[in-house]
Protein backbone atom coordinates (compact mmCIF):
# COMPACT_ATOMS: atom_id res chain seq x y z
CA MET A 1 5.97 -19.58 -12.53
CA LYS A 2 4.89 -17.93 -9.32
CA TYR A 3 5.99 -14.38 -8.41
CA LEU A 4 5.25 -12.37 -5.35
CA MET A 5 4.70 -8.68 -6.18
CA PHE A 6 5.21 -6.30 -3.32
CA VAL A 7 3.09 -3.18 -3.78
CA CYS A 8 5.04 -0.27 -2.19
CA SER A 9 4.44 3.41 -1.56
CA ASP A 10 6.84 5.93 -3.12
CA PRO A 11 7.55 9.50 -2.04
CA GLU A 12 7.91 10.49 -5.79
CA PRO A 13 4.73 9.35 -7.58
CA ASP A 14 4.19 10.00 -11.33
CA THR A 15 2.68 13.41 -11.82
CA ASP A 16 1.09 12.50 -15.12
CA LYS A 17 -2.38 11.28 -14.24
CA THR A 18 -3.44 10.82 -17.87
CA ASP A 19 -5.05 7.43 -18.52
CA GLU A 20 -4.41 6.28 -14.95
CA PRO A 21 -5.46 2.64 -14.60
CA ASP A 22 -8.33 1.56 -12.34
CA ILE A 23 -7.33 -0.96 -9.63
CA GLU A 24 -10.75 -2.77 -9.80
CA VAL A 25 -10.38 -3.28 -13.51
CA TRP A 26 -6.74 -4.48 -13.11
CA VAL A 27 -7.81 -7.04 -10.42
CA ALA A 28 -10.79 -8.26 -12.42
CA GLU A 29 -8.73 -8.68 -15.64
CA ASN A 30 -5.86 -10.47 -13.94
CA ASP A 31 -8.13 -12.68 -11.87
CA ALA A 32 -10.10 -13.71 -14.93
CA ALA A 33 -6.87 -14.49 -16.86
CA GLY A 34 -5.56 -16.58 -13.91
CA ARG A 35 -2.48 -14.34 -13.51
CA ARG A 36 -3.43 -13.06 -10.09
CA VAL A 37 -3.73 -15.90 -7.58
CA ARG A 38 -4.23 -13.76 -4.51
CA GLY A 39 -3.72 -10.23 -3.30
CA ALA A 40 -4.46 -7.99 -0.32
CA VAL A 41 -3.96 -4.57 1.13
CA LEU A 42 -1.89 -4.50 4.31
CA ALA A 43 -2.65 -2.61 7.53
CA PRO A 44 -0.36 0.47 8.02
CA PRO A 45 3.20 0.12 9.27
CA SER A 46 2.14 1.24 12.74
CA ALA A 47 0.24 -2.03 13.05
CA ALA A 48 3.40 -4.10 12.35
CA THR A 49 5.21 -6.27 14.80
CA THR A 50 8.88 -7.06 14.31
CA VAL A 51 10.15 -10.38 15.69
CA ARG A 52 13.86 -11.21 16.12
CA VAL A 53 15.89 -13.67 18.08
CA ARG A 54 19.38 -12.59 19.30
CA ASN A 55 21.54 -14.83 21.52
CA GLY A 56 18.49 -17.02 22.23
CA GLU A 57 16.36 -14.06 23.39
CA LEU A 58 13.04 -13.20 21.76
CA LEU A 59 12.91 -9.44 20.84
CA VAL A 60 9.43 -8.17 19.86
CA THR A 61 9.02 -4.56 18.75
CA ASP A 62 5.92 -2.65 17.83
CA GLY A 63 6.09 -1.14 14.38
CA PRO A 64 8.28 -1.87 11.38
CA PHE A 65 11.99 -2.71 11.85
CA ALA A 66 13.16 -0.54 8.92
CA GLU A 67 12.42 3.18 9.01
CA THR A 68 11.89 4.24 5.42
CA LYS A 69 9.69 6.56 3.49
CA GLU A 70 8.61 3.65 1.26
CA VAL A 71 6.40 1.01 2.89
CA ILE A 72 4.82 -2.16 1.64
CA VAL A 73 1.14 -1.40 1.33
CA GLY A 74 -0.03 -4.74 -0.18
CA PHE A 75 0.94 -7.69 -2.24
CA ASP A 76 -0.22 -9.85 -5.21
CA LEU A 77 0.78 -13.48 -5.88
CA LEU A 78 1.12 -13.83 -9.63
CA GLU A 79 1.15 -16.85 -11.78
CA CYS A 80 2.89 -15.97 -15.04
CA ALA A 81 4.69 -17.78 -17.84
CA ASP A 82 7.96 -15.83 -17.19
CA LEU A 83 9.32 -12.56 -15.83
CA ASP A 84 8.41 -10.63 -18.98
CA GLU A 85 4.72 -11.46 -18.40
CA ALA A 86 5.05 -10.53 -14.71
CA ILE A 87 6.57 -7.18 -15.66
CA ALA A 88 3.70 -6.60 -18.16
CA VAL A 89 1.21 -7.38 -15.39
CA ALA A 90 3.00 -5.01 -12.97
CA ARG A 91 3.26 -2.21 -15.53
CA ALA A 92 -0.53 -2.08 -15.82
CA HIS A 93 -1.00 -1.91 -12.00
CA PRO A 94 -2.03 1.60 -10.78
CA MET A 95 0.76 1.58 -8.18
CA ALA A 96 3.38 1.39 -10.92
CA ARG A 97 2.61 5.15 -11.28
CA ASP A 98 1.86 6.12 -7.69
CA GLY A 99 4.28 3.75 -5.96
CA ARG A 100 6.63 1.01 -6.93
CA LEU A 101 6.20 -2.73 -7.47
CA GLU A 102 8.87 -5.26 -6.53
CA ILE A 103 8.57 -8.64 -8.28
CA ARG A 104 10.31 -11.74 -6.86
CA PRO A 105 10.18 -15.27 -8.15
CA PHE A 106 9.67 -17.99 -5.59
CA ALA A 107 12.97 -19.88 -4.95
CA ASP A 108 13.27 -23.23 -6.51
CA PHE A 109 15.26 -25.35 -4.03
CA GLU A 110 14.89 -28.48 -6.20
CA GLN A 111 17.27 -27.23 -8.87
């Protein structure tokens, strides 16, 4: 099952830096196991462009639409047997301590 894992910043990171995981090790292990299909770091929110259409009119705004302290800083596309495996993969990601990870399954419109 495919999951998109949003990697987000968090204004309240974990203060315990003991045994903090290494991102390069996490990537290598999950790539080798076939659990990480793709991933990337995103440009900062200041590089975002927001696109909306209202009453037929195109509205383009520089920057993110939502103003929050948390921002999406990257993503990983995961291939896992189930949500429990996806959670285990996310738990080992360094940003589980310094940020937050949101896991979403891809919608299955054929059901």
